[in-house]
Amino acid sequence: IPLCAGCDQHILDRFILKALDRHWHSKCLKCSDCHAPLAERCFSRGESVYCKDDFF
């Protein structure tokens, strides 16, 4: 059972998101700046993920 990179808890959900080669609960994958949910698209810089507005 994978651990969530956002909350360090086991992911028991039906759907698992994968970004930056790490697994996330859908509720835990959020923009590092504005904390908006990133369910469809995200951008990365280093080890952080961002929404389009905060990345550019």
PDB file of N, CA and C in Angstrom:
ATOM      1  N   ILE A   1       0.866  -1.179   0.000  1.00  0.00           N
ATOM      2  CA  ILE A   1       0.000   0.000   0.000  1.00  0.00           C
ATOM      3  C   ILE A   1       0.904   1.232   0.000  1.00  0.00           C
ATOM      4  N   PRO A   2       0.753   2.088  -1.018  1.00  0.00           N
ATOM      5  CA  PRO A   2       1.630   3.265  -1.095  1.00  0.00           C
ATOM      6  C   PRO A   2       1.310   4.306  -0.021  1.00  0.00           C
ATOM      7  N   LEU A   3       2.324   5.074   0.330  1.00  0.00           N
ATOM      8  CA  LEU A   3       2.156   6.191   1.261  1.00  0.00           C
ATOM      9  C   LEU A   3       1.991   7.482   0.476  1.00  0.00           C
ATOM     10  N   CYS A   4       1.137   8.356   0.953  1.00  0.00           N
ATOM     11  CA  CYS A   4       0.903   9.654   0.330  1.00  0.00           C
ATOM     12  C   CYS A   4       2.081  10.584   0.623  1.00  0.00           C
ATOM     13  N   ALA A   5       2.586  11.258  -0.408  1.00  0.00           N
ATOM     14  CA  ALA A   5       3.685  12.210  -0.243  1.00  0.00           C
ATOM     15  C   ALA A   5       3.233  13.470   0.488  1.00  0.00           C
ATOM     16  N   GLY A   6       1.932  13.721   0.515  1.00  0.00           N
ATOM     17  CA  GLY A   6       1.423  14.920   1.171  1.00  0.00           C
ATOM     18  C   GLY A   6       1.174  14.755   2.657  1.00  0.00           C
ATOM     19  N   CYS A   7       0.646  13.595   3.054  1.00  0.00           N
ATOM     20  CA  CYS A   7       0.266  13.412   4.459  1.00  0.00           C
ATOM     21  C   CYS A   7       0.946  12.221   5.131  1.00  0.00           C
ATOM     22  N   ASP A   8       1.736  11.456   4.387  1.00  0.00           N
ATOM     23  CA  ASP A   8       2.454  10.284   4.907  1.00  0.00           C
ATOM     24  C   ASP A   8       1.539   9.187   5.448  1.00  0.00           C
ATOM     25  N   GLN A   9       0.288   9.152   4.999  1.00  0.00           N
ATOM     26  CA  GLN A   9      -0.652   8.102   5.387  1.00  0.00           C
ATOM     27  C   GLN A   9      -0.801   7.116   4.223  1.00  0.00           C
ATOM     28  N   HIS A  10      -1.184   5.888   4.528  1.00  0.00           N
ATOM     29  CA  HIS A  10      -1.431   4.903   3.479  1.00  0.00           C
ATOM     30  C   HIS A  10      -2.581   5.367   2.592  1.00  0.00           C
ATOM     31  N   ILE A  11      -2.458   5.105   1.304  1.00  0.00           N
ATOM     32  CA  ILE A  11      -3.510   5.481   0.359  1.00  0.00           C
ATOM     33  C   ILE A  11      -4.405   4.270   0.145  1.00  0.00           C
ATOM     34  N   LEU A  12      -5.599   4.336   0.681  1.00  0.00           N
ATOM     35  CA  LEU A  12      -6.576   3.263   0.548  1.00  0.00           C
ATOM     36  C   LEU A  12      -7.694   3.651  -0.412  1.00  0.00           C
ATOM     37  N   ASP A  13      -7.590   4.849  -0.995  1.00  0.00           N
ATOM     38  CA  ASP A  13      -8.609   5.353  -1.914  1.00  0.00           C
ATOM     39  C   ASP A  13      -8.642   4.517  -3.191  1.00  0.00           C
ATOM     40  N   ARG A  14      -9.717   4.633  -3.901  1.00  0.00           N
ATOM     41  CA  ARG A  14      -9.859   3.924  -5.169  1.00  0.00           C
ATOM     42  C   ARG A  14      -8.918   4.502  -6.229  1.00  0.00           C
ATOM     43  N   PHE A  15      -8.715   5.818  -6.178  1.00  0.00           N
ATOM     44  CA  PHE A  15      -7.857   6.481  -7.155  1.00  0.00           C
ATOM     45  C   PHE A  15      -6.636   7.065  -6.460  1.00  0.00           C
ATOM     46  N   ILE A  16      -5.490   6.915  -7.102  1.00  0.00           N
ATOM     47  CA  ILE A  16      -4.230   7.435  -6.578  1.00  0.00           C
ATOM     48  C   ILE A  16      -3.640   8.358  -7.632  1.00  0.00           C
ATOM     49  N   LEU A  17      -3.204   9.537  -7.222  1.00  0.00           N
ATOM     50  CA  LEU A  17      -2.529  10.445  -8.143  1.00  0.00           C
ATOM     51  C   LEU A  17      -1.029  10.217  -8.048  1.00  0.00           C
ATOM     52  N   LYS A  18      -0.347  10.378  -9.168  1.00  0.00           N
ATOM     53  CA  LYS A  18       1.105  10.232  -9.164  1.00  0.00           C
ATOM     54  C   LYS A  18       1.717  11.477  -9.791  1.00  0.00           C
ATOM     55  N   ALA A  19       2.619  12.120  -9.059  1.00  0.00           N
ATOM     56  CA  ALA A  19       3.337  13.302  -9.546  1.00  0.00           C
ATOM     57  C   ALA A  19       4.718  13.295  -8.920  1.00  0.00           C
ATOM     58  N   LEU A  20       5.715  13.699  -9.682  1.00  0.00           N
ATOM     59  CA  LEU A  20       7.104  13.730  -9.210  1.00  0.00           C
ATOM     60  C   LEU A  20       7.554  12.352  -8.715  1.00  0.00           C
ATOM     61  N   ASP A  21       7.068  11.306  -9.375  1.00  0.00           N
ATOM     62  CA  ASP A  21       7.387   9.919  -8.997  1.00  0.00           C
ATOM     63  C   ASP A  21       6.984   9.581  -7.568  1.00  0.00           C
ATOM     64  N   ARG A  22       5.985  10.286  -7.056  1.00  0.00           N
ATOM     65  CA  ARG A  22       5.444  10.012  -5.723  1.00  0.00           C
ATOM     66  C   ARG A  22       3.939   9.844  -5.840  1.00  0.00           C
ATOM     67  N   HIS A  23       3.340   9.161  -4.878  1.00  0.00           N
ATOM     68  CA  HIS A  23       1.895   8.926  -4.857  1.00  0.00           C
ATOM     69  C   HIS A  23       1.226   9.919  -3.912  1.00  0.00           C
ATOM     70  N   TRP A  24      -0.009  10.295  -4.262  1.00  0.00           N
ATOM     71  CA  TRP A  24      -0.752  11.297  -3.487  1.00  0.00           C
ATOM     72  C   TRP A  24      -2.222  10.904  -3.384  1.00  0.00           C
ATOM     73  N   HIS A  25      -2.855  11.209  -2.236  1.00  0.00           N
ATOM     74  CA  HIS A  25      -4.321  11.219  -2.180  1.00  0.00           C
ATOM     75  C   HIS A  25      -4.774  12.366  -3.084  1.00  0.00           C
ATOM     76  N   SER A  26      -5.942  12.261  -3.672  1.00  0.00           N
ATOM     77  CA  SER A  26      -6.434  13.348  -4.521  1.00  0.00           C
ATOM     78  C   SER A  26      -6.596  14.643  -3.732  1.00  0.00           C
ATOM     79  N   LYS A  27      -6.923  14.547  -2.446  1.00  0.00           N
ATOM     80  CA  LYS A  27      -7.097  15.755  -1.633  1.00  0.00           C
ATOM     81  C   LYS A  27      -5.764  16.361  -1.187  1.00  0.00           C
ATOM     82  N   CYS A  28      -4.677  15.622  -1.289  1.00  0.00           N
ATOM     83  CA  CYS A  28      -3.374  16.090  -0.788  1.00  0.00           C
ATOM     84  C   CYS A  28      -2.499  16.740  -1.850  1.00  0.00           C
ATOM     85  N   LEU A  29      -2.766  16.483  -3.124  1.00  0.00           N
ATOM     86  CA  LEU A  29      -1.946  17.084  -4.178  1.00  0.00           C
ATOM     87  C   LEU A  29      -2.445  18.500  -4.417  1.00  0.00           C
ATOM     88  N   LYS A  30      -1.701  19.463  -3.891  1.00  0.00           N
ATOM     89  CA  LYS A  30      -2.096  20.872  -3.948  1.00  0.00           C
ATOM     90  C   LYS A  30      -0.915  21.726  -4.372  1.00  0.00           C
ATOM     91  N   CYS A  31      -1.219  22.887  -4.919  1.00  0.00           N
ATOM     92  CA  CYS A  31      -0.191  23.847  -5.307  1.00  0.00           C
ATOM     93  C   CYS A  31       0.619  24.260  -4.078  1.00  0.00           C
ATOM     94  N   SER A  32       1.932  24.296  -4.230  1.00  0.00           N
ATOM     95  CA  SER A  32       2.806  24.671  -3.112  1.00  0.00           C
ATOM     96  C   SER A  32       2.629  26.124  -2.686  1.00  0.00           C
ATOM     97  N   ASP A  33       2.149  26.980  -3.603  1.00  0.00           N
ATOM     98  CA  ASP A  33       1.963  28.395  -3.260  1.00  0.00           C
ATOM     99  C   ASP A  33       0.552  28.716  -2.773  1.00  0.00           C
ATOM    100  N   CYS A  34      -0.459  28.439  -3.620  1.00  0.00           N
ATOM    101  CA  CYS A  34      -1.827  28.867  -3.288  1.00  0.00           C
ATOM    102  C   CYS A  34      -2.673  27.742  -2.685  1.00  0.00           C
ATOM    103  N   HIS A  35      -2.164  26.527  -2.661  1.00  0.00           N
ATOM    104  CA  HIS A  35      -2.836  25.354  -2.081  1.00  0.00           C
ATOM    105  C   HIS A  35      -4.107  24.947  -2.826  1.00  0.00           C
ATOM    106  N   ALA A  36      -4.217  25.336  -4.101  1.00  0.00           N
ATOM    107  CA  ALA A  36      -5.347  24.905  -4.926  1.00  0.00           C
ATOM    108  C   ALA A  36      -5.184  23.422  -5.260  1.00  0.00           C
ATOM    109  N   PRO A  37      -6.277  22.664  -5.310  1.00  0.00           N
ATOM    110  CA  PRO A  37      -6.195  21.247  -5.681  1.00  0.00           C
ATOM    111  C   PRO A  37      -5.645  21.082  -7.100  1.00  0.00           C
ATOM    112  N   LEU A  38      -4.850  20.046  -7.318  1.00  0.00           N
ATOM    113  CA  LEU A  38      -4.218  19.818  -8.621  1.00  0.00           C
ATOM    114  C   LEU A  38      -4.634  18.470  -9.191  1.00  0.00           C
ATOM    115  N   ALA A  39      -5.897  18.292  -9.431  1.00  0.00           N
ATOM    116  CA  ALA A  39      -6.408  17.001  -9.885  1.00  0.00           C
ATOM    117  C   ALA A  39      -6.117  16.734 -11.364  1.00  0.00           C
ATOM    118  N   GLU A  40      -6.107  17.766 -12.193  1.00  0.00           N
ATOM    119  CA  GLU A  40      -5.965  17.540 -13.630  1.00  0.00           C
ATOM    120  C   GLU A  40      -4.573  17.807 -14.170  1.00  0.00           C
ATOM    121  N   ARG A  41      -3.947  18.883 -13.746  1.00  0.00           N
ATOM    122  CA  ARG A  41      -2.663  19.264 -14.304  1.00  0.00           C
ATOM    123  C   ARG A  41      -1.827  19.956 -13.243  1.00  0.00           C
ATOM    124  N   CYS A  42      -0.541  19.640 -13.219  1.00  0.00           N
ATOM    125  CA  CYS A  42       0.362  20.328 -12.302  1.00  0.00           C
ATOM    126  C   CYS A  42       1.716  20.514 -12.965  1.00  0.00           C
ATOM    127  N   PHE A  43       2.477  21.427 -12.431  1.00  0.00           N
ATOM    128  CA  PHE A  43       3.800  21.755 -12.937  1.00  0.00           C
ATOM    129  C   PHE A  43       4.773  21.632 -11.779  1.00  0.00           C
ATOM    130  N   SER A  44       6.004  21.281 -12.075  1.00  0.00           N
ATOM    131  CA  SER A  44       6.955  21.086 -10.983  1.00  0.00           C
ATOM    132  C   SER A  44       8.218  21.910 -11.182  1.00  0.00           C
ATOM    133  N   ARG A  45       8.784  22.274 -10.057  1.00  0.00           N
ATOM    134  CA  ARG A  45      10.082  22.941 -10.009  1.00  0.00           C
ATOM    135  C   ARG A  45      10.767  22.393  -8.769  1.00  0.00           C
ATOM    136  N   GLY A  46      11.861  21.687  -8.976  1.00  0.00           N
ATOM    137  CA  GLY A  46      12.503  21.025  -7.847  1.00  0.00           C
ATOM    138  C   GLY A  46      11.596  19.927  -7.321  1.00  0.00           C
ATOM    139  N   GLU A  47      11.357  19.933  -6.036  1.00  0.00           N
ATOM    140  CA  GLU A  47      10.492  18.933  -5.401  1.00  0.00           C
ATOM    141  C   GLU A  47       9.096  19.471  -5.117  1.00  0.00           C
ATOM    142  N   SER A  48       8.767  20.644  -5.670  1.00  0.00           N
ATOM    143  CA  SER A  48       7.471  21.277  -5.402  1.00  0.00           C
ATOM    144  C   SER A  48       6.570  21.211  -6.624  1.00  0.00           C
ATOM    145  N   VAL A  49       5.258  21.164  -6.375  1.00  0.00           N
ATOM    146  CA  VAL A  49       4.270  21.173  -7.451  1.00  0.00           C
ATOM    147  C   VAL A  49       3.471  22.469  -7.386  1.00  0.00           C
ATOM    148  N   TYR A  50       3.055  22.935  -8.572  1.00  0.00           N
ATOM    149  CA  TYR A  50       2.375  24.223  -8.675  1.00  0.00           C
ATOM    150  C   TYR A  50       1.218  24.140  -9.655  1.00  0.00           C
ATOM    151  N   CYS A  51       0.258  25.032  -9.485  1.00  0.00           N
ATOM    152  CA  CYS A  51      -0.782  25.228 -10.485  1.00  0.00           C
ATOM    153  C   CYS A  51      -0.165  26.062 -11.618  1.00  0.00           C
ATOM    154  N   LYS A  52      -0.850  26.162 -12.721  1.00  0.00           N
ATOM    155  CA  LYS A  52      -0.328  26.895 -13.882  1.00  0.00           C
ATOM    156  C   LYS A  52      -0.039  28.352 -13.540  1.00  0.00           C
ATOM    157  N   ASP A  53      -0.954  29.004 -12.832  1.00  0.00           N
ATOM    158  CA  ASP A  53      -0.781  30.428 -12.512  1.00  0.00           C
ATOM    159  C   ASP A  53       0.457  30.679 -11.661  1.00  0.00           C
ATOM    160  N   ASP A  54       0.698  29.849 -10.673  1.00  0.00           N
ATOM    161  CA  ASP A  54       1.846  30.063  -9.789  1.00  0.00           C
ATOM    162  C   ASP A  54       3.160  29.589 -10.402  1.00  0.00           C
ATOM    163  N   PHE A  55       3.094  28.657 -11.335  1.00  0.00           N
ATOM    164  CA  PHE A  55       4.320  28.177 -11.972  1.00  0.00           C
ATOM    165  C   PHE A  55       4.877  29.213 -12.940  1.00  0.00           C
ATOM    166  N   PHE A  56       3.972  29.837 -13.714  1.00  0.00           N
ATOM    167  CA  PHE A  56       4.409  30.826 -14.705  1.00  0.00           C
ATOM    168  C   PHE A  56       4.269  32.190 -14.119  1.00  0.00           C
TER     169      PHE A  56
END
